[in-house]
């Protein structure tokens, strides 16, 4: 069992590093990010989500006091609907570079500040 824990831990480290290096995308919307002390973070589920939770989200919340609501399965069509309607529910979108490039081309992202 310890071998699995080490493997997940290693995976977690690698996943967290890729998240930090990929710089998640911030969905365009009003500049109300974290004003209520909460943000939403859309990412993939499973082991990847667990790794991001432990390596990125938990330390972020501990340091800032901002609660992060994690939502599974990034969907560019939902981003488009949110941006088009002006009713943006998601704050940070963690997705592969192909989705990020498509969203960038469409003007869906804002700089992360």
C-alpha atoms as a PDB file:
ATOM      1  CA  UNK A   1       0.000   0.000   0.000  1.00  0.00           C
ATOM      2  CA  UNK A   2       2.846   2.408   0.704  1.00  0.00           C
ATOM      3  CA  UNK A   3       4.117   1.961  -2.838  1.00  0.00           C
ATOM      4  CA  UNK A   4       0.787   3.229  -4.193  1.00  0.00           C
ATOM      5  CA  UNK A   5       0.891   6.199  -1.842  1.00  0.00           C
ATOM      6  CA  UNK A   6       4.353   7.112  -3.085  1.00  0.00           C
ATOM      7  CA  UNK A   7       3.238   6.722  -6.676  1.00  0.00           C
ATOM      8  CA  UNK A   8       0.250   8.995  -6.128  1.00  0.00           C
ATOM      9  CA  UNK A   9       2.462  11.443  -4.277  1.00  0.00           C
ATOM     10  CA  UNK A  10       4.907  11.513  -7.182  1.00  0.00           C
ATOM     11  CA  UNK A  11       2.037  11.914  -9.619  1.00  0.00           C
ATOM     12  CA  UNK A  12       0.694  14.680  -7.437  1.00  0.00           C
ATOM     13  CA  UNK A  13       3.967  16.540  -7.568  1.00  0.00           C
ATOM     14  CA  UNK A  14       4.201  16.192 -11.333  1.00  0.00           C
ATOM     15  CA  UNK A  15       0.574  17.230 -11.798  1.00  0.00           C
ATOM     16  CA  UNK A  16       0.957  20.232  -9.543  1.00  0.00           C
ATOM     17  CA  UNK A  17       4.096  21.318 -11.363  1.00  0.00           C
ATOM     18  CA  UNK A  18       2.293  21.098 -14.686  1.00  0.00           C
ATOM     19  CA  UNK A  19      -0.586  23.162 -13.333  1.00  0.00           C
ATOM     20  CA  UNK A  20       1.776  25.857 -12.141  1.00  0.00           C
ATOM     21  CA  UNK A  21       3.758  25.844 -15.371  1.00  0.00           C
ATOM     22  CA  UNK A  22       0.683  25.847 -17.579  1.00  0.00           C
ATOM     23  CA  UNK A  23      -0.768  28.885 -15.759  1.00  0.00           C
ATOM     24  CA  UNK A  24      -4.483  28.184 -15.637  1.00  0.00           C
ATOM     25  CA  UNK A  25      -6.764  30.389 -17.651  1.00  0.00           C
ATOM     26  CA  UNK A  26      -8.970  32.974 -15.994  1.00  0.00           C
ATOM     27  CA  UNK A  27     -12.376  33.341 -17.588  1.00  0.00           C
ATOM     28  CA  UNK A  28     -13.410  36.833 -18.669  1.00  0.00           C
ATOM     29  CA  UNK A  29     -16.017  38.399 -16.446  1.00  0.00           C
ATOM     30  CA  UNK A  30     -16.431  41.229 -14.004  1.00  0.00           C
ATOM     31  CA  UNK A  31     -13.410  41.783 -11.791  1.00  0.00           C
ATOM     32  CA  UNK A  32     -15.129  40.258  -8.779  1.00  0.00           C
ATOM     33  CA  UNK A  33     -12.608  37.480  -8.373  1.00  0.00           C
ATOM     34  CA  UNK A  34     -12.417  36.414  -4.734  1.00  0.00           C
ATOM     35  CA  UNK A  35     -14.321  39.458  -3.464  1.00  0.00           C
ATOM     36  CA  UNK A  36     -16.618  37.111  -1.578  1.00  0.00           C
ATOM     37  CA  UNK A  37     -13.688  35.078  -0.294  1.00  0.00           C
ATOM     38  CA  UNK A  38     -14.415  32.246  -2.745  1.00  0.00           C
ATOM     39  CA  UNK A  39     -13.373  31.300  -6.252  1.00  0.00           C
ATOM     40  CA  UNK A  40     -14.312  28.441  -8.543  1.00  0.00           C
ATOM     41  CA  UNK A  41     -11.586  26.327 -10.122  1.00  0.00           C
ATOM     42  CA  UNK A  42     -12.534  24.031 -12.999  1.00  0.00           C
ATOM     43  CA  UNK A  43     -10.207  21.074 -13.524  1.00  0.00           C
ATOM     44  CA  UNK A  44     -10.152  17.413 -14.487  1.00  0.00           C
ATOM     45  CA  UNK A  45     -11.300  14.817 -11.966  1.00  0.00           C
ATOM     46  CA  UNK A  46      -9.708  11.705 -10.534  1.00  0.00           C
ATOM     47  CA  UNK A  47      -6.084  11.490  -9.431  1.00  0.00           C
ATOM     48  CA  UNK A  48      -5.253  14.737 -11.228  1.00  0.00           C
ATOM     49  CA  UNK A  49      -7.910  16.621  -9.240  1.00  0.00           C
ATOM     50  CA  UNK A  50      -6.638  15.096  -5.985  1.00  0.00           C
ATOM     51  CA  UNK A  51      -3.077  16.129  -6.820  1.00  0.00           C
ATOM     52  CA  UNK A  52      -4.108  19.688  -7.665  1.00  0.00           C
ATOM     53  CA  UNK A  53      -6.188  19.852  -4.487  1.00  0.00           C
ATOM     54  CA  UNK A  54      -3.254  18.831  -2.272  1.00  0.00           C
ATOM     55  CA  UNK A  55      -0.404  20.604  -4.044  1.00  0.00           C
ATOM     56  CA  UNK A  56      -2.057  23.843  -5.160  1.00  0.00           C
ATOM     57  CA  UNK A  57      -5.519  24.513  -3.760  1.00  0.00           C
ATOM     58  CA  UNK A  58      -5.004  23.579  -0.097  1.00  0.00           C
ATOM     59  CA  UNK A  59      -1.798  25.653   0.230  1.00  0.00           C
ATOM     60  CA  UNK A  60      -3.482  28.560  -1.597  1.00  0.00           C
ATOM     61  CA  UNK A  61      -6.466  28.484   0.773  1.00  0.00           C
ATOM     62  CA  UNK A  62      -4.193  28.202   3.821  1.00  0.00           C
ATOM     63  CA  UNK A  63      -2.158  31.214   2.689  1.00  0.00           C
ATOM     64  CA  UNK A  64      -4.985  33.481   1.493  1.00  0.00           C
ATOM     65  CA  UNK A  65      -8.078  32.314   3.363  1.00  0.00           C
ATOM     66  CA  UNK A  66      -9.901  32.184   0.020  1.00  0.00           C
ATOM     67  CA  UNK A  67     -12.106  29.107  -0.355  1.00  0.00           C
ATOM     68  CA  UNK A  68     -11.704  27.297  -3.682  1.00  0.00           C
ATOM     69  CA  UNK A  69     -14.704  25.409  -5.046  1.00  0.00           C
ATOM     70  CA  UNK A  70     -13.378  22.695  -7.357  1.00  0.00           C
ATOM     71  CA  UNK A  71     -15.554  21.770 -10.325  1.00  0.00           C
ATOM     72  CA  UNK A  72     -14.850  18.715 -12.488  1.00  0.00           C
ATOM     73  CA  UNK A  73     -14.442  18.552 -16.245  1.00  0.00           C
ATOM     74  CA  UNK A  74     -13.506  21.732 -18.085  1.00  0.00           C
ATOM     75  CA  UNK A  75     -15.872  22.396 -20.994  1.00  0.00           C
ATOM     76  CA  UNK A  76     -15.092  25.169 -23.485  1.00  0.00           C
ATOM     77  CA  UNK A  77     -18.720  25.264 -24.684  1.00  0.00           C
ATOM     78  CA  UNK A  78     -19.794  26.155 -21.131  1.00  0.00           C
ATOM     79  CA  UNK A  79     -17.126  28.860 -20.988  1.00  0.00           C
ATOM     80  CA  UNK A  80     -18.449  30.305 -24.249  1.00  0.00           C
ATOM     81  CA  UNK A  81     -22.020  30.282 -22.912  1.00  0.00           C
ATOM     82  CA  UNK A  82     -20.942  31.996 -19.685  1.00  0.00           C
ATOM     83  CA  UNK A  83     -18.877  34.671 -21.448  1.00  0.00           C
ATOM     84  CA  UNK A  84     -21.536  35.303 -24.114  1.00  0.00           C
ATOM     85  CA  UNK A  85     -24.329  35.637 -21.552  1.00  0.00           C
ATOM     86  CA  UNK A  86     -22.212  37.779 -19.228  1.00  0.00           C
ATOM     87  CA  UNK A  87     -23.047  35.371 -16.410  1.00  0.00           C
ATOM     88  CA  UNK A  88     -19.639  33.884 -15.589  1.00  0.00           C
ATOM     89  CA  UNK A  89     -19.710  31.283 -12.801  1.00  0.00           C
ATOM     90  CA  UNK A  90     -16.183  29.901 -13.169  1.00  0.00           C
ATOM     91  CA  UNK A  91     -13.100  31.878 -12.187  1.00  0.00           C
ATOM     92  CA  UNK A  92     -10.155  29.640 -13.130  1.00  0.00           C
ATOM     93  CA  UNK A  93     -10.155  27.092 -15.962  1.00  0.00           C
ATOM     94  CA  UNK A  94      -7.423  24.424 -15.833  1.00  0.00           C
ATOM     95  CA  UNK A  95      -7.323  22.626 -19.162  1.00  0.00           C
ATOM     96  CA  UNK A  96      -4.952  21.251 -21.783  1.00  0.00           C
ATOM     97  CA  UNK A  97      -3.164  23.738 -24.010  1.00  0.00           C
ATOM     98  CA  UNK A  98      -5.426  22.965 -27.002  1.00  0.00           C
ATOM     99  CA  UNK A  99      -8.507  24.155 -25.081  1.00  0.00           C
ATOM    100  CA  UNK A 100      -6.539  27.088 -23.723  1.00  0.00           C
ATOM    101  CA  UNK A 101      -5.428  28.125 -27.203  1.00  0.00           C
ATOM    102  CA  UNK A 102      -8.982  27.857 -28.536  1.00  0.00           C
ATOM    103  CA  UNK A 103     -10.327  29.944 -25.668  1.00  0.00           C
ATOM    104  CA  UNK A 104      -7.564  32.495 -26.155  1.00  0.00           C
ATOM    105  CA  UNK A 105      -8.350  32.792 -29.860  1.00  0.00           C
ATOM    106  CA  UNK A 106     -11.989  33.462 -28.938  1.00  0.00           C
ATOM    107  CA  UNK A 107     -11.021  36.037 -26.291  1.00  0.00           C
ATOM    108  CA  UNK A 108     -12.379  34.105 -23.308  1.00  0.00           C
ATOM    109  CA  UNK A 109      -9.429  34.608 -20.921  1.00  0.00           C
ATOM    110  CA  UNK A 110      -8.187  37.419 -18.695  1.00  0.00           C
ATOM    111  CA  UNK A 111      -4.758  37.730 -17.083  1.00  0.00           C
ATOM    112  CA  UNK A 112      -4.407  36.044 -13.701  1.00  0.00           C
ATOM    113  CA  UNK A 113      -3.574  38.718 -11.127  1.00  0.00           C
END
